[in-house]
Amino acid sequence: QRRLVESGGGLVQSGGSLKLSCTATGFTWDRYFLGWFRQAPGKEREGVACVDTSGTRTNYQESVKGRFTISRDNANSTMYLQMNSLKPEDTATYFCAADGPACWIGIGSPSDYMDWGQGIQVTVSA
């Protein structure tokens, strides 16, 4: 059974940093394009970043470029999202997703991904 579990969320002040992790079980991890999404209250789920199977190519939402870094560790079936210079508008529930479209084309929409974690809260105070 394929499963994704996020960790590392929490409350941080504006300008601070957090690192999210997504640990997978039941996957042949290095076969899949992966992504991070987020959803704020009352808003649609949006793509934040994606990474290709080797971890070489990435793609980011414009608002997080230069602040967030996506990476993966295929040996340990894990994906990360390093978030620096956090802003209050980054407050959302963050989701990891697997088995998405080719990342060099774009992050894609939520419906493009087959597997999802349960989500983890990130709150940035002003």
Foldseek 3Di string as FASTA:
>chain_A
DKAKAKDWADEEAQQAKIKMKIAIPPDLQLVKKKFKWWDAPPGDIDTAKIAHSVQPDMAGDPVQPPFWDWGADSVRRMIMIIGGNDDQVVWTWMKMFIRADGPVVHRDDPVRTDDIHPTDTHGYHD
